Amino acid sequence: MVPAQLLLSQAVHGRGGYDSDFSDDESGEKSDQRNKRTSNEDALLIKPFQKVKQVKVADRQIAAEQWDREEARNRRFHLIAMDAYARHKKFVNDYILYYGGKKEDFQRSGASDKTDLDVVRENYRFLWKEEDAVDMNWEKRLAKKYYDKLFKEYCIADLSRYKENKFGFRWRHEKEVVSGKGQFSCGNKHCDEKEALKSWEVNFGYMEYGEKRNALVKLRLCPQCSCKLNFHHRRREVKPNKKRQRTERNSEEPKSKKSRLSHSEKRRSKRNKQKDQVSSDDSDDFDNDPDDSEEQDVPSDADFWKGPLQETDEKSREEEFDEYFQDLFL
């Protein structure tokens, strides 16, 4: 039990339950004003870019969304830092971990891969015509561009199956033209002979895209390869022109013949001088008898009625030489 004297003293000093109502109201109003002032000051001190402090603990859903957002940001940074191949491998591994499977299922098959050489082989033509240049796609244009770079004067031949009467021909490329293969050396694919070469014309028949075609091609072959080419029947040999042979013969004539010709020319010049002297004597006689010469030159009236004058055909220099040589060889 509390003694009575203590209760009285507490009541007197205002420490018990006997306080006045007026004192409580004044103290409450002062505390409210202080709280308002502090709240206003805090509002003034808050910066516009500063986040509001959350006094309460966030919900589980909000925390999960924030965590997912941070994870997505980090994952995006990692993907951007990777190259294309590493990114592809990561996606494949994630797919296998999530859905299951094997890495062999994701390996690309190279069966349908084609290089430029494969495209040229599929669309190549031995001879391109105007009809073949219609509806050109990129593959045909590539083959046509390769065809335009080839040299089509002489061919390179494959005579490995000559006993079956089967031959392969192709045009020459730049390196073969520079080295002289097919023109100054044997045109056989497996032969490099450079002496006693002969030129041949061959009617090359071949099948191309289900169509039979022919082409007249030229070859330069050595005697042994020429026998292989003409194993079944003889082809047409291309020989140089006669004019070229004549010029070559004239260039190969010895100097003794030229000296003989010079002596004969000197004799002819002497004879021509003697003829000029004789003609000068005749002209002197003609000057002495002018009336006789005028009578001989002027035609008579009967000559006009015989018919028109006959025009003499003048022969060219080449025709005269041909007649001269024909008389020699007869």
Protein backbone atom coordinates (compact mmCIF):
# COMPACT_ATOMS: atom_id res chain seq x y z
CA MET A 1 0.00 0.00 0.00
CA VAL A 2 1.16 3.46 -0.88
CA PRO A 3 1.19 5.79 2.08
CA ALA A 4 -1.24 8.68 2.05
CA GLN A 5 1.45 11.32 2.43
CA LEU A 6 3.05 10.34 -0.92
CA LEU A 7 -0.23 10.57 -2.77
CA LEU A 8 -0.87 14.00 -1.40
CA SER A 9 2.58 15.24 -2.34
CA GLN A 10 2.18 13.95 -5.91
CA ALA A 11 -1.16 15.66 -6.18
CA VAL A 12 0.29 18.90 -5.01
CA HIS A 13 3.24 18.85 -7.41
CA GLY A 14 1.15 17.67 -10.38
CA ARG A 15 2.77 14.31 -10.85
CA GLY A 16 -0.20 12.18 -10.40
CA GLY A 17 -3.49 11.85 -12.14
CA TYR A 18 -4.69 15.21 -10.84
CA ASP A 19 -3.25 17.50 -13.61
CA SER A 20 -5.32 20.40 -15.03
CA ASP A 21 -6.95 20.25 -18.46
CA PHE A 22 -5.56 23.59 -19.61
CA SER A 23 -1.96 22.54 -19.24
CA ASP A 24 -2.46 19.41 -21.43
CA ASP A 25 -4.03 21.31 -24.34
CA GLU A 26 -1.28 23.88 -24.50
CA SER A 27 1.45 21.28 -24.60
CA GLY A 28 -0.36 19.28 -27.35
CA GLU A 29 -0.76 22.29 -29.61
CA LYS A 30 2.91 23.15 -29.30
CA SER A 31 3.96 19.62 -30.28
CA ASP A 32 1.74 19.67 -33.39
CA GLN A 33 3.20 22.95 -34.55
CA ARG A 34 6.72 21.56 -34.14
CA ASN A 35 5.88 18.51 -36.24
CA LYS A 36 4.44 20.68 -39.04
CA ARG A 37 7.53 22.88 -39.08
CA THR A 38 9.84 19.89 -39.32
CA SER A 39 7.75 18.36 -42.13
CA ASN A 40 7.79 21.63 -44.10
CA GLU A 41 11.54 21.97 -43.67
CA ASP A 42 12.06 18.38 -44.82
CA ALA A 43 9.92 19.03 -47.93
CA LEU A 44 12.05 22.07 -48.82
CA LEU A 45 15.27 20.11 -48.42
CA ILE A 46 14.17 17.27 -50.77
CA LYS A 47 15.79 17.55 -54.24
CA PRO A 48 13.76 16.87 -57.41
CA PHE A 49 15.94 13.92 -58.53
CA GLN A 50 16.14 12.41 -55.05
CA LYS A 51 14.10 9.28 -54.44
CA VAL A 52 11.63 9.17 -51.62
CA LYS A 53 12.78 7.04 -48.77
CA GLN A 54 10.56 4.06 -48.17
CA VAL A 55 10.09 3.62 -44.54
CA LYS A 56 7.93 0.56 -44.97
CA VAL A 57 9.18 -2.80 -46.27
CA ALA A 58 8.28 -3.39 -49.99
CA ASP A 59 5.92 -6.14 -51.05
CA ARG A 60 7.27 -9.43 -52.37
CA GLN A 61 5.90 -8.74 -55.91
CA ILE A 62 7.59 -5.35 -56.17
CA ALA A 63 10.87 -6.82 -54.99
CA ALA A 64 10.65 -9.61 -57.57
CA GLU A 65 10.00 -7.13 -60.39
CA GLN A 66 12.98 -5.02 -59.39
CA TRP A 67 15.19 -8.10 -59.21
CA ASP A 68 14.07 -9.28 -62.67
CA ARG A 69 14.76 -5.86 -64.09
CA GLU A 70 18.29 -5.83 -62.72
CA GLU A 71 18.94 -9.33 -64.00
CA ALA A 72 17.70 -8.42 -67.50
CA ARG A 73 19.94 -5.35 -67.53
CA ASN A 74 22.99 -7.42 -66.58
CA ARG A 75 22.14 -10.12 -69.14
CA ARG A 76 21.82 -7.50 -71.90
CA PHE A 77 25.22 -6.06 -71.06
CA HIS A 78 26.78 -9.54 -71.24
CA LEU A 79 25.14 -10.30 -74.61
CA ILE A 80 26.30 -7.03 -76.13
CA ALA A 81 29.87 -7.77 -75.04
CA MET A 82 29.83 -11.19 -76.82
CA ASP A 83 30.58 -11.78 -80.50
CA ALA A 84 28.04 -13.42 -82.82
CA TYR A 85 29.42 -16.94 -82.52
CA ALA A 86 29.64 -16.88 -78.70
CA ARG A 87 26.11 -15.48 -78.53
CA HIS A 88 24.87 -18.27 -80.80
CA LYS A 89 26.54 -20.93 -78.64
CA LYS A 90 25.00 -19.46 -75.48
CA PHE A 91 21.51 -19.51 -77.00
CA VAL A 92 21.97 -23.11 -78.16
CA ASN A 93 23.16 -24.23 -74.73
CA ASP A 94 20.26 -22.45 -73.03
CA TYR A 95 17.83 -24.09 -75.45
CA ILE A 96 19.27 -27.56 -74.77
CA LEU A 97 19.19 -27.00 -70.99
CA TYR A 98 15.58 -25.83 -71.08
CA TYR A 99 14.01 -28.05 -73.78
CA GLY A 100 16.53 -30.92 -73.94
CA GLY A 101 18.24 -32.45 -76.98
CA LYS A 102 21.73 -32.88 -78.47
CA LYS A 103 24.24 -30.50 -79.98
CA GLU A 104 24.50 -32.68 -83.10
CA ASP A 105 20.97 -31.62 -84.04
CA PHE A 106 22.18 -28.03 -84.38
CA GLN A 107 25.19 -28.73 -86.63
CA ARG A 108 24.79 -27.27 -90.14
CA SER A 109 25.11 -29.69 -93.06
CA GLY A 110 27.53 -28.60 -95.78
CA ALA A 111 26.01 -30.80 -98.50
CA SER A 112 24.37 -27.86 -100.29
CA ASP A 113 27.40 -25.53 -100.08
CA LYS A 114 28.78 -24.28 -103.42
CA THR A 115 31.90 -22.38 -104.34
CA ASP A 116 32.34 -20.11 -107.37
CA LEU A 117 34.11 -22.93 -109.20
CA ASP A 118 31.12 -25.24 -108.64
CA VAL A 119 28.75 -22.59 -110.01
CA VAL A 120 30.94 -22.11 -113.12
CA ARG A 121 31.07 -25.87 -113.74
CA GLU A 122 27.29 -26.20 -113.51
CA ASN A 123 26.55 -23.31 -115.90
CA TYR A 124 29.58 -23.54 -118.24
CA ARG A 125 29.14 -23.62 -122.03
CA PHE A 126 31.77 -24.38 -124.65
CA LEU A 127 30.28 -21.73 -126.97
CA TRP A 128 27.82 -19.04 -125.87
CA LYS A 129 25.16 -18.02 -128.39
CA GLU A 130 22.67 -15.16 -128.36
CA GLU A 131 19.92 -17.59 -127.37
CA ASP A 132 21.89 -18.63 -124.29
CA ALA A 133 22.16 -15.03 -123.05
CA VAL A 134 18.38 -14.78 -122.44
CA ASP A 135 17.07 -14.91 -118.83
CA MET A 136 20.49 -14.60 -117.23
CA ASN A 137 20.66 -15.11 -113.47
CA TRP A 138 23.73 -14.43 -111.33
CA GLU A 139 25.05 -17.99 -111.83
CA LYS A 140 24.91 -17.73 -115.64
CA ARG A 141 26.45 -14.26 -115.55
CA LEU A 142 29.36 -15.62 -113.52
CA ALA A 143 29.92 -18.45 -116.03
CA LYS A 144 29.68 -15.99 -118.97
CA LYS A 145 32.22 -13.69 -117.33
CA TYR A 146 34.63 -16.62 -116.98
CA TYR A 147 34.02 -17.59 -120.64
CA ASP A 148 34.86 -14.06 -121.86
CA LYS A 149 38.30 -14.25 -120.22
CA LEU A 150 39.31 -17.39 -122.16
CA PHE A 151 41.40 -17.33 -125.39
CA LYS A 152 39.64 -19.11 -128.24
CA GLU A 153 42.28 -19.37 -130.99
CA TYR A 154 43.69 -22.81 -130.14
CA CYS A 155 42.36 -25.60 -127.91
CA ILE A 156 43.89 -27.85 -125.27
CA ALA A 157 43.02 -31.54 -125.93
CA ASP A 158 42.69 -34.61 -123.73
CA LEU A 159 43.68 -37.63 -125.88
CA SER A 160 43.68 -40.24 -123.12
CA ARG A 161 40.70 -42.10 -124.68
CA TYR A 162 41.71 -41.81 -128.33
CA LYS A 163 41.16 -45.55 -128.96
CA GLU A 164 37.45 -45.08 -128.17
CA ASN A 165 37.34 -42.08 -130.54
CA LYS A 166 36.51 -39.80 -127.60
CA PHE A 167 38.33 -36.50 -127.14
CA GLY A 168 38.02 -33.62 -124.72
CA PHE A 169 38.67 -30.01 -125.72
CA ARG A 170 38.78 -26.77 -123.76
CA TRP A 171 39.93 -23.21 -124.40
CA ARG A 172 43.18 -21.81 -123.09
CA HIS A 173 43.50 -19.43 -120.16
CA GLU A 174 45.96 -16.59 -119.67
CA LYS A 175 48.82 -18.54 -118.09
CA GLU A 176 48.83 -21.09 -120.93
CA VAL A 177 48.88 -18.32 -123.53
CA VAL A 178 51.85 -16.65 -121.83
CA SER A 179 53.77 -19.94 -121.58
CA GLY A 180 52.91 -20.87 -125.22
CA LYS A 181 51.03 -24.06 -124.32
CA GLY A 182 48.84 -25.16 -127.23
CA GLN A 183 50.55 -22.95 -129.83
CA PHE A 184 54.35 -23.16 -129.48
CA SER A 185 54.22 -26.46 -127.62
CA CYS A 186 52.02 -29.53 -128.09
CA GLY A 187 48.33 -28.94 -127.37
CA ASN A 188 47.92 -32.32 -125.68
CA LYS A 189 47.21 -31.99 -121.99
CA HIS A 190 49.97 -34.46 -121.03
CA CYS A 191 52.63 -33.53 -123.63
CA ASP A 192 55.12 -30.63 -123.82
CA GLU A 193 56.85 -31.34 -127.16
CA LYS A 194 57.93 -28.20 -129.04
CA GLU A 195 59.32 -29.51 -132.35
CA ALA A 196 57.66 -30.60 -135.62
CA LEU A 197 54.22 -29.31 -134.59
CA LYS A 198 51.28 -29.56 -136.98
CA SER A 199 48.01 -27.67 -137.06
CA TRP A 200 44.72 -29.61 -137.27
CA GLU A 201 41.09 -28.63 -137.71
CA VAL A 202 38.61 -30.84 -135.88
CA ASN A 203 34.83 -30.81 -136.05
CA PHE A 204 34.12 -31.16 -132.34
CA GLY A 205 30.69 -32.67 -131.59
CA TYR A 206 29.47 -32.62 -128.01
CA MET A 207 26.31 -32.84 -125.88
CA GLU A 208 25.43 -29.80 -123.78
CA TYR A 209 22.28 -29.61 -121.64
CA GLY A 210 20.64 -32.36 -123.69
CA GLU A 211 21.41 -30.64 -127.01
CA LYS A 212 23.79 -31.83 -129.75
CA ARG A 213 26.23 -29.12 -130.84
CA ASN A 214 29.24 -28.83 -133.17
CA ALA A 215 32.22 -26.51 -133.18
CA LEU A 216 35.23 -26.23 -135.52
CA VAL A 217 38.37 -25.99 -133.38
CA LYS A 218 42.11 -25.73 -134.07
CA LEU A 219 44.88 -27.82 -132.51
CA ARG A 220 48.67 -27.80 -132.53
CA LEU A 221 50.05 -31.30 -131.96
CA CYS A 222 53.36 -33.11 -132.19
CA PRO A 223 53.69 -36.12 -134.59
CA GLN A 224 53.01 -38.70 -131.87
CA CYS A 225 49.87 -36.92 -130.63
CA SER A 226 48.78 -36.33 -134.24
CA CYS A 227 48.74 -40.12 -134.72
CA LYS A 228 46.47 -40.42 -131.70
CA LEU A 229 44.13 -37.77 -133.09
CA ASN A 230 43.97 -39.53 -136.48
CA PHE A 231 43.74 -43.04 -135.03
CA HIS A 232 40.29 -43.79 -136.51
CA HIS A 233 40.15 -41.38 -139.46
CA ARG A 234 42.34 -38.57 -140.68
CA ARG A 235 41.44 -34.99 -139.83
CA ARG A 236 42.11 -31.93 -141.96
CA GLU A 237 45.59 -30.54 -141.66
CA VAL A 238 45.98 -26.76 -141.82
CA LYS A 239 48.94 -25.74 -143.98
CA PRO A 240 50.40 -22.26 -144.50
CA ASN A 241 49.50 -20.28 -147.65
CA LYS A 242 51.57 -20.55 -150.84
CA LYS A 243 52.47 -16.89 -150.75
CA ARG A 244 54.05 -17.35 -147.35
CA GLN A 245 56.00 -20.35 -148.64
CA ARG A 246 57.30 -18.31 -151.53
CA THR A 247 58.43 -15.52 -149.28
CA GLU A 248 60.15 -18.01 -147.01
CA ARG A 249 61.89 -19.62 -149.99
CA ASN A 250 63.01 -16.27 -151.29
CA SER A 251 64.41 -15.36 -147.90
CA GLU A 252 66.29 -18.68 -147.73
CA GLU A 253 67.95 -18.31 -151.16
CA PRO A 254 71.77 -18.22 -151.00
CA LYS A 255 73.75 -15.13 -151.77
CA SER A 256 75.26 -16.76 -154.87
CA LYS A 257 71.88 -16.69 -156.64
CA LYS A 258 71.48 -13.03 -155.81
CA SER A 259 74.89 -12.29 -157.28
CA ARG A 260 73.94 -14.18 -160.46
CA LEU A 261 70.78 -12.15 -160.74
CA SER A 262 72.76 -8.97 -160.41
CA HIS A 263 75.02 -10.02 -163.32
CA SER A 264 72.02 -10.82 -165.50
CA GLU A 265 70.48 -7.45 -164.71
CA LYS A 266 73.67 -5.73 -165.80
CA ARG A 267 73.56 -7.52 -169.14
CA ARG A 268 69.94 -6.53 -169.67
CA SER A 269 70.75 -2.91 -168.96
CA LYS A 270 73.48 -3.00 -171.63
CA ARG A 271 71.05 -4.46 -174.17
CA ASN A 272 68.51 -1.77 -173.38
CA LYS A 273 71.11 0.93 -174.00
CA GLN A 274 71.89 -0.55 -177.44
CA LYS A 275 68.17 -0.60 -178.29
CA ASP A 276 67.87 3.05 -177.30
CA GLN A 277 70.67 3.93 -179.67
CA VAL A 278 68.97 2.08 -182.53
CA SER A 279 65.65 3.81 -181.82
CA SER A 280 67.37 7.21 -181.84
CA ASP A 281 68.72 6.46 -185.35
CA ASP A 282 65.24 5.54 -186.53
CA SER A 283 63.85 8.78 -185.14
CA ASP A 284 66.40 10.72 -187.18
CA ASP A 285 65.16 8.98 -190.32
CA PHE A 286 61.60 9.79 -189.34
CA ASP A 287 62.47 13.47 -189.07
CA ASN A 288 63.88 13.39 -192.56
CA ASP A 289 60.63 11.95 -194.06
CA PRO A 290 57.72 13.71 -192.25
CA ASP A 291 55.22 13.26 -195.09
CA ASP A 292 55.49 9.46 -195.09
CA SER A 293 54.97 9.24 -191.35
CA GLU A 294 51.85 11.43 -191.50
CA GLU A 295 50.37 9.25 -194.22
CA GLN A 296 50.97 6.11 -192.17
CA ASP A 297 49.51 7.57 -188.96
CA VAL A 298 46.30 8.98 -190.46
CA PRO A 299 43.70 6.17 -190.91
CA SER A 300 41.87 5.87 -194.23
CA ASP A 301 38.09 6.24 -194.76
CA ALA A 302 37.68 2.49 -195.28
CA ASP A 303 39.02 1.81 -191.78
CA PHE A 304 36.11 3.72 -190.20
CA TRP A 305 33.51 1.43 -191.86
CA LYS A 306 35.10 -1.81 -190.72
CA GLY A 307 33.56 -1.55 -187.21
CA PRO A 308 34.26 -0.11 -183.78
CA LEU A 309 37.74 0.02 -182.49
CA GLN A 310 38.78 -3.06 -180.53
CA GLU A 311 39.85 -2.20 -176.99
CA THR A 312 42.87 -4.14 -175.83
CA ASP A 313 42.64 -5.55 -172.28
CA GLU A 314 45.63 -4.50 -170.27
CA LYS A 315 46.92 -7.25 -168.03
CA SER A 316 47.92 -6.57 -164.48
CA ARG A 317 51.39 -7.15 -163.21
CA GLU A 318 50.39 -10.27 -161.22
CA GLU A 319 48.79 -11.87 -164.30
CA GLU A 320 51.91 -11.26 -166.33
CA PHE A 321 54.04 -12.88 -163.63
CA ASP A 322 51.69 -15.89 -163.49
CA GLU A 323 51.91 -16.39 -167.27
CA TYR A 324 55.67 -16.06 -167.11
CA PHE A 325 56.03 -18.69 -164.38
CA GLN A 326 53.57 -21.05 -166.10
CA ASP A 327 55.77 -21.00 -169.20
CA LEU A 328 58.78 -21.82 -167.08
CA PHE A 329 57.23 -24.83 -165.32
CA LEU A 330 55.71 -26.35 -168.49
